[in-house]
Each structure stands twice: as structure tokens, then as C-alpha cells.
Protein backbone atom coordinates (compact mmCIF):
# COMPACT_ATOMS: atom_id res chain seq x y z
CA MET A 1 11.89 -9.48 -5.42
CA SER A 2 13.17 -7.83 -2.29
CA SER A 3 13.30 -9.00 1.28
CA THR A 4 9.60 -8.31 1.82
CA GLY A 5 8.67 -11.38 -0.22
CA ALA A 6 5.23 -12.46 -1.39
CA VAL A 7 4.34 -14.33 1.83
CA THR A 8 4.67 -11.31 4.09
CA VAL A 9 1.61 -9.36 5.19
CA PRO A 10 1.79 -5.58 4.76
CA ARG A 11 -0.28 -3.22 6.90
CA LEU A 12 -0.38 0.49 7.52
CA HIS A 13 1.58 1.60 10.55
CA PRO A 14 -0.81 2.63 13.35
CA LYS A 15 0.40 6.24 13.05
CA ALA A 16 -0.73 6.41 9.40
CA ARG A 17 -4.23 6.54 7.96
CA LEU A 18 -5.93 6.92 4.61
CA GLN A 19 -8.12 9.95 4.29
CA HIS A 20 -9.71 12.09 1.60
CA ASP A 21 -8.31 15.62 1.75
CA ASP A 22 -11.15 17.95 0.78
CA VAL A 23 -8.78 20.92 0.52
CA ARG A 24 -6.58 19.20 -2.06
CA GLY A 25 -9.43 17.18 -3.55
CA ARG A 26 -7.52 13.91 -3.39
CA ASP A 27 -6.80 10.93 -1.22
CA VAL A 28 -3.79 11.09 1.06
CA LEU A 29 -1.93 8.96 3.55
CA LEU A 30 -1.68 11.04 6.70
CA TYR A 31 0.99 10.59 9.37
CA PRO A 32 2.19 12.84 12.20
CA GLU A 33 4.98 14.47 10.20
CA GLY A 34 3.02 15.07 7.00
CA LEU A 35 1.16 13.38 4.21
CA VAL A 36 1.65 11.43 1.03
CA ALA A 37 -0.65 12.32 -1.88
CA LEU A 38 -2.02 9.20 -3.52
CA ASN A 39 -3.49 8.36 -6.89
CA ALA A 40 -6.35 5.88 -7.25
CA THR A 41 -3.97 2.94 -7.65
CA GLY A 42 -2.07 3.83 -4.47
CA VAL A 43 -5.35 4.01 -2.57
CA ALA A 44 -6.42 0.63 -3.98
CA ILE A 45 -3.15 -0.94 -2.82
CA LEU A 46 -3.27 0.55 0.66
CA GLU A 47 -6.93 -0.35 1.18
CA LEU A 48 -5.88 -3.99 0.72
CA CYS A 49 -3.09 -3.67 3.30
CA ASP A 50 -5.30 -4.70 6.19
CA GLY A 51 -2.87 -7.00 7.97
CA THR A 52 -4.63 -10.16 6.77
CA ARG A 53 -3.67 -10.32 3.08
CA SER A 54 -0.23 -11.35 1.89
CA LEU A 55 1.58 -9.37 -0.77
CA ALA A 56 0.74 -12.15 -3.23
CA GLU A 57 -2.98 -11.90 -2.37
CA ILE A 58 -2.91 -8.12 -2.76
CA VAL A 59 -1.24 -8.42 -6.16
CA ALA A 60 -3.74 -11.08 -7.29
CA THR A 61 -6.66 -8.89 -6.23
CA LEU A 62 -5.24 -5.88 -8.08
CA GLU A 63 -4.53 -7.93 -11.19
CA ARG A 64 -8.18 -9.04 -11.22
CA LEU A 65 -9.39 -5.49 -10.55
CA TYR A 66 -7.30 -3.94 -13.31
CA ALA A 67 -7.48 -6.97 -15.67
CA THR A 68 -3.73 -7.04 -16.09
CA GLY A 69 -0.75 -9.08 -14.95
CA GLY A 70 2.78 -8.44 -13.81
CA LEU A 71 1.99 -6.01 -11.01
CA GLU A 72 4.03 -7.69 -8.28
CA ARG A 73 7.16 -5.65 -8.79
CA ASP A 74 5.31 -2.31 -8.94
CA VAL A 75 3.20 -3.06 -5.87
CA ALA A 76 6.22 -4.27 -3.90
CA THR A 77 8.22 -1.18 -4.88
CA PHE A 78 5.37 1.12 -3.84
CA LEU A 79 4.99 -0.59 -0.46
CA GLU A 80 8.75 -0.73 0.14
CA GLY A 81 8.94 3.03 -0.43
CA LEU A 82 6.29 3.58 2.23
CA ALA A 83 7.97 1.05 4.51
CA ALA A 84 11.23 3.00 4.22
CA LYS A 85 9.32 5.99 5.64
CA GLY A 86 7.88 3.82 8.42
CA LEU A 87 4.34 4.05 7.06
CA VAL A 88 3.92 0.37 6.14
CA THR A 89 5.02 -2.56 8.28
CA TYR A 90 5.31 -6.25 7.44
CA GLY A 91 4.40 -9.32 9.45
CA PRO A 92 4.41 -13.04 8.79
């Protein structure tokens, strides 16, 4: 796993917000410079990034929701990609 680690707490950056885009008919992550189109799984991940759940808790919740295991790497990679764009931040 990367430097984010399972004990860190991801949250959306204050400049970013989840929203349903009626024009495109899909959920998006909006930020001042643009948007990121999201699928249902991306929305589920970001809805759990409330600043109170650790990465491990988010993964456990998703694994229960989707009745599958081994999601940690995929979730971490997704969040790290958004963090690289400054859309997700991490705290202790």
C-alpha cells in the first residue's frame, strides 16, 4: 500500500463536491477547474469520505456493500488519483 495507509482519514477537499449532473445524466465530482465523471462505485467511495472514517473502515463498508473482498488496493488507488488532483485530502 502507498503512503496514505489504512489508518488515514480521507475527505473531499472543500473546493470539491459530489453532485448529480442532470445534463449528463450522471454523478460528478465538481471542482472550480472542472469535473470528474463518476460511476456508482466512485460515488459510493466518495460518499464514505466524510472525514471520520479511515481508509480501512471505508474498504470494510464497501466490501460488505458489494459482498466481496480485496478492495483495499482499488479504493486506495482511486483516492490517490483524486488526491493527486487535490480533490481528496488525508488526515490522521
